Every structure is written in structure tokens, then in C-alpha cells.
Amino acid sequence: MPRSSLQTGSTRTSRPRPTPGTEARTTPGRVALDWAVADRVVPVRTCVGCRQRSSISELLRVVAVDGQVLPDPQRRYAGRGASLHPRSACLARAERRRAFGRALRVSGNLSTEVLGSYLARLGQPHPSDQHQE
């Protein structure tokens, strides 16, 4: 039995095409294609310390290099990164939970001294930097 001319070519099914002049109209239950002009979506990450979700502009990216957790404020270092609020409380909580190793997928202990001093320069001292009187 010969194949009809409708069955030749691609075997994919496609949606029916609108007739000329009806492209701009929408029917109830259909949405116009406004995705091209939609608002820009801001990326959201989770802080490894407090586990709160925030936009990436509020978080500091950190990376593991040679057994140390280093700040990456420009987001330029290669490799896996983690996000942290630039607050000493979030750093202390992440250390207590040992979250950096899991988030950065690194085994062994990671030093956070460089990150702690970076936060101190930002005005957020690390709890271990506080001198007891």
C-alpha cells in the first residue's frame, strides 16, 4: 500500500500552524509569547552557613584552593564554588556544620583563616579573631 503524501518526510508531529493574520490573537487559556520581553531573572543561591536563599549580589562566592577556603568576590576562580553571606555569624555556622567540605566537594579539613581575615577587612570580624579580655 503506497504511503500518502501526508506521511512522507519527518515522522515528528507538529502543532497546527496558525492561519495568516491570527498570530497575534490569543484565545482563552492560551498565553501570548511575551517571554522575549520578560523581566530578567536574578540568580538565587543558598548560604552554606545560615541556609537562607538570597540573590547572588548579597552573597560572597568562596572556592577551595590547596586546602584553604578563599573568597572570590569577582566570581572569577575556576572550579566549584559555594555561597556565603559576608557575615561572621554565617562563617561560624558553616565551620561548625563543616559545610564547606560538602558544598565544595572536598575531603579533609579546610582552613578558613584567609576567609576570616577577608571578612574582618570588610568590617565583619570572625569570632576567632575576637580577643578575650
C-alpha atoms as a PDB file:
ATOM      1  CA  MET A   1       0.000   0.000   0.000  1.00  0.00           C
ATOM      2  CA  PRO A   2       1.552   3.343  -1.005  1.00  0.00           C
ATOM      3  CA  ARG A   3       2.188   5.984   1.619  1.00  0.00           C
ATOM      4  CA  SER A   4       0.116   9.083   1.284  1.00  0.00           C
ATOM      5  CA  SER A   5       1.817  12.398   0.642  1.00  0.00           C
ATOM      6  CA  LEU A   6       0.941  13.484   4.189  1.00  0.00           C
ATOM      7  CA  GLN A   7       3.079  10.750   5.676  1.00  0.00           C
ATOM      8  CA  THR A   8       6.269  11.450   3.747  1.00  0.00           C
ATOM      9  CA  GLY A   9       9.104  13.367   5.298  1.00  0.00           C
ATOM     10  CA  SER A  10       9.540  13.811   9.020  1.00  0.00           C
ATOM     11  CA  THR A  11       7.717  11.500  11.367  1.00  0.00           C
ATOM     12  CA  ARG A  12       7.591  14.175  14.082  1.00  0.00           C
ATOM     13  CA  THR A  13       4.224  15.522  14.966  1.00  0.00           C
ATOM     14  CA  SER A  14       3.935  19.252  14.995  1.00  0.00           C
ATOM     15  CA  ARG A  15       1.428  21.683  16.316  1.00  0.00           C
ATOM     16  CA  PRO A  16      -1.036  23.120  13.851  1.00  0.00           C
ATOM     17  CA  ARG A  17       0.178  26.368  12.384  1.00  0.00           C
ATOM     18  CA  PRO A  18      -1.990  29.457  12.757  1.00  0.00           C
ATOM     19  CA  THR A  19      -3.637  30.831   9.700  1.00  0.00           C
ATOM     20  CA  PRO A  20      -2.293  34.144   8.409  1.00  0.00           C
ATOM     21  CA  GLY A  21      -3.477  37.113  10.453  1.00  0.00           C
ATOM     22  CA  THR A  22      -4.181  35.153  13.640  1.00  0.00           C
ATOM     23  CA  GLU A  23      -0.660  35.061  15.103  1.00  0.00           C
ATOM     24  CA  ALA A  24      -1.199  37.980  17.475  1.00  0.00           C
ATOM     25  CA  ARG A  25      -4.568  36.825  18.770  1.00  0.00           C
ATOM     26  CA  THR A  26      -4.849  34.657  21.823  1.00  0.00           C
ATOM     27  CA  THR A  27      -7.723  32.507  22.862  1.00  0.00           C
ATOM     28  CA  PRO A  28      -8.889  31.889  26.432  1.00  0.00           C
ATOM     29  CA  GLY A  29      -6.449  29.550  28.124  1.00  0.00           C
ATOM     30  CA  ARG A  30      -3.541  30.461  25.835  1.00  0.00           C
ATOM     31  CA  VAL A  31      -0.784  32.857  26.709  1.00  0.00           C
ATOM     32  CA  ALA A  32       0.832  35.218  24.246  1.00  0.00           C
ATOM     33  CA  LEU A  33       4.559  34.771  23.716  1.00  0.00           C
ATOM     34  CA  ASP A  34       5.834  37.591  25.884  1.00  0.00           C
ATOM     35  CA  TRP A  35       8.809  35.615  27.156  1.00  0.00           C
ATOM     36  CA  ALA A  36      11.139  37.611  24.946  1.00  0.00           C
ATOM     37  CA  VAL A  37      10.387  40.768  26.919  1.00  0.00           C
ATOM     38  CA  ALA A  38      10.009  39.138  30.340  1.00  0.00           C
ATOM     39  CA  ASP A  39      11.806  40.598  33.342  1.00  0.00           C
ATOM     40  CA  ARG A  40      15.336  39.391  33.856  1.00  0.00           C
ATOM     41  CA  VAL A  41      15.590  36.632  36.434  1.00  0.00           C
ATOM     42  CA  VAL A  42      18.111  37.205  39.224  1.00  0.00           C
ATOM     43  CA  PRO A  43      20.086  34.066  40.190  1.00  0.00           C
ATOM     44  CA  VAL A  44      19.452  32.843  43.733  1.00  0.00           C
ATOM     45  CA  ARG A  45      21.866  30.786  45.842  1.00  0.00           C
ATOM     46  CA  THR A  46      21.785  29.307  49.352  1.00  0.00           C
ATOM     47  CA  CYS A  47      24.220  30.455  52.044  1.00  0.00           C
ATOM     48  CA  VAL A  48      26.221  27.479  53.351  1.00  0.00           C
ATOM     49  CA  GLY A  49      26.144  28.997  56.835  1.00  0.00           C
ATOM     50  CA  CYS A  50      22.580  30.059  57.579  1.00  0.00           C
ATOM     51  CA  ARG A  51      20.930  28.131  54.693  1.00  0.00           C
ATOM     52  CA  GLN A  52      18.933  31.216  53.657  1.00  0.00           C
ATOM     53  CA  ARG A  53      18.330  31.776  49.955  1.00  0.00           C
ATOM     54  CA  SER A  54      19.484  35.154  48.631  1.00  0.00           C
ATOM     55  CA  SER A  55      20.362  36.766  45.337  1.00  0.00           C
ATOM     56  CA  ILE A  56      23.966  36.311  44.284  1.00  0.00           C
ATOM     57  CA  SER A  57      24.578  40.038  44.728  1.00  0.00           C
ATOM     58  CA  GLU A  58      24.098  39.576  48.509  1.00  0.00           C
ATOM     59  CA  LEU A  59      26.364  36.529  48.777  1.00  0.00           C
ATOM     60  CA  LEU A  60      30.118  36.042  48.642  1.00  0.00           C
ATOM     61  CA  ARG A  61      31.375  33.205  46.447  1.00  0.00           C
ATOM     62  CA  VAL A  62      34.083  31.078  48.035  1.00  0.00           C
ATOM     63  CA  VAL A  63      36.272  28.374  46.491  1.00  0.00           C
ATOM     64  CA  ALA A  64      38.653  25.726  47.820  1.00  0.00           C
ATOM     65  CA  VAL A  65      42.278  26.074  46.684  1.00  0.00           C
ATOM     66  CA  ASP A  66      45.080  23.991  48.207  1.00  0.00           C
ATOM     67  CA  GLY A  67      43.157  23.172  51.386  1.00  0.00           C
ATOM     68  CA  GLN A  68      42.004  26.732  52.009  1.00  0.00           C
ATOM     69  CA  VAL A  69      38.632  28.391  51.562  1.00  0.00           C
ATOM     70  CA  LEU A  70      39.303  31.568  49.597  1.00  0.00           C
ATOM     71  CA  PRO A  71      36.923  34.451  48.896  1.00  0.00           C
ATOM     72  CA  ASP A  72      36.062  35.017  45.246  1.00  0.00           C
ATOM     73  CA  PRO A  73      34.278  38.401  45.209  1.00  0.00           C
ATOM     74  CA  GLN A  74      34.690  38.837  41.443  1.00  0.00           C
ATOM     75  CA  ARG A  75      33.447  35.278  40.767  1.00  0.00           C
ATOM     76  CA  ARG A  76      36.450  34.555  38.548  1.00  0.00           C
ATOM     77  CA  TYR A  77      38.136  31.492  40.085  1.00  0.00           C
ATOM     78  CA  ALA A  78      37.640  28.265  38.201  1.00  0.00           C
ATOM     79  CA  GLY A  79      36.003  25.264  39.768  1.00  0.00           C
ATOM     80  CA  ARG A  80      33.196  24.585  42.148  1.00  0.00           C
ATOM     81  CA  GLY A  81      32.133  27.406  44.416  1.00  0.00           C
ATOM     82  CA  ALA A  82      29.879  27.894  47.414  1.00  0.00           C
ATOM     83  CA  SER A  83      27.968  30.958  48.553  1.00  0.00           C
ATOM     84  CA  LEU A  84      28.153  32.626  51.946  1.00  0.00           C
ATOM     85  CA  HIS A  85      26.686  35.792  53.409  1.00  0.00           C
ATOM     86  CA  PRO A  86      29.654  38.064  54.205  1.00  0.00           C
ATOM     87  CA  ARG A  87      28.875  37.916  57.935  1.00  0.00           C
ATOM     88  CA  SER A  88      30.896  36.377  60.725  1.00  0.00           C
ATOM     89  CA  ALA A  89      27.838  34.543  62.059  1.00  0.00           C
ATOM     90  CA  CYS A  90      27.357  32.714  58.756  1.00  0.00           C
ATOM     91  CA  LEU A  91      31.049  31.806  58.601  1.00  0.00           C
ATOM     92  CA  ALA A  92      30.995  30.456  62.163  1.00  0.00           C
ATOM     93  CA  ARG A  93      27.877  28.419  61.473  1.00  0.00           C
ATOM     94  CA  ALA A  94      29.339  26.990  58.254  1.00  0.00           C
ATOM     95  CA  GLU A  95      32.508  25.983  60.120  1.00  0.00           C
ATOM     96  CA  ARG A  96      30.516  24.374  62.925  1.00  0.00           C
ATOM     97  CA  ARG A  97      28.425  22.403  60.435  1.00  0.00           C
ATOM     98  CA  ARG A  98      31.530  21.536  58.355  1.00  0.00           C
ATOM     99  CA  ALA A  99      29.563  22.774  55.377  1.00  0.00           C
ATOM    100  CA  PHE A 100      32.469  23.958  53.230  1.00  0.00           C
ATOM    101  CA  GLY A 101      33.812  20.470  52.577  1.00  0.00           C
ATOM    102  CA  ARG A 102      30.413  19.195  51.492  1.00  0.00           C
ATOM    103  CA  ALA A 103      29.473  22.242  49.437  1.00  0.00           C
ATOM    104  CA  LEU A 104      32.826  22.372  47.672  1.00  0.00           C
ATOM    105  CA  ARG A 105      33.073  18.565  47.427  1.00  0.00           C
ATOM    106  CA  VAL A 106      36.482  18.465  49.068  1.00  0.00           C
ATOM    107  CA  SER A 107      37.552  15.797  51.541  1.00  0.00           C
ATOM    108  CA  GLY A 108      39.663  16.674  54.544  1.00  0.00           C
ATOM    109  CA  ASN A 109      39.902  19.808  56.636  1.00  0.00           C
ATOM    110  CA  LEU A 110      39.726  23.217  55.027  1.00  0.00           C
ATOM    111  CA  SER A 111      41.328  26.300  56.539  1.00  0.00           C
ATOM    112  CA  THR A 112      39.123  29.395  56.728  1.00  0.00           C
ATOM    113  CA  GLU A 113      41.805  31.794  58.009  1.00  0.00           C
ATOM    114  CA  VAL A 114      42.070  33.717  54.732  1.00  0.00           C
ATOM    115  CA  LEU A 115      38.295  33.989  54.501  1.00  0.00           C
ATOM    116  CA  GLY A 116      38.088  35.128  58.134  1.00  0.00           C
ATOM    117  CA  SER A 117      40.652  37.886  57.567  1.00  0.00           C
ATOM    118  CA  TYR A 118      38.848  38.939  54.381  1.00  0.00           C
ATOM    119  CA  LEU A 119      35.580  39.297  56.316  1.00  0.00           C
ATOM    120  CA  ALA A 120      37.435  41.253  59.021  1.00  0.00           C
ATOM    121  CA  ARG A 121      38.613  43.720  56.379  1.00  0.00           C
ATOM    122  CA  LEU A 122      35.002  44.079  55.257  1.00  0.00           C
ATOM    123  CA  GLY A 123      34.066  45.030  58.813  1.00  0.00           C
ATOM    124  CA  GLN A 124      32.665  41.672  59.845  1.00  0.00           C
ATOM    125  CA  PRO A 125      35.213  40.142  62.242  1.00  0.00           C
ATOM    126  CA  HIS A 126      35.447  36.373  62.536  1.00  0.00           C
ATOM    127  CA  PRO A 127      34.570  35.072  66.044  1.00  0.00           C
ATOM    128  CA  SER A 128      38.054  33.539  66.472  1.00  0.00           C
ATOM    129  CA  ASP A 129      39.586  36.963  65.736  1.00  0.00           C
ATOM    130  CA  GLN A 130      37.900  38.441  68.827  1.00  0.00           C
ATOM    131  CA  HIS A 131      40.445  38.879  71.619  1.00  0.00           C
ATOM    132  CA  GLN A 132      39.250  37.760  75.018  1.00  0.00           C
ATOM    133  CA  GLU A 133      39.779  40.348  77.713  1.00  0.00           C
END
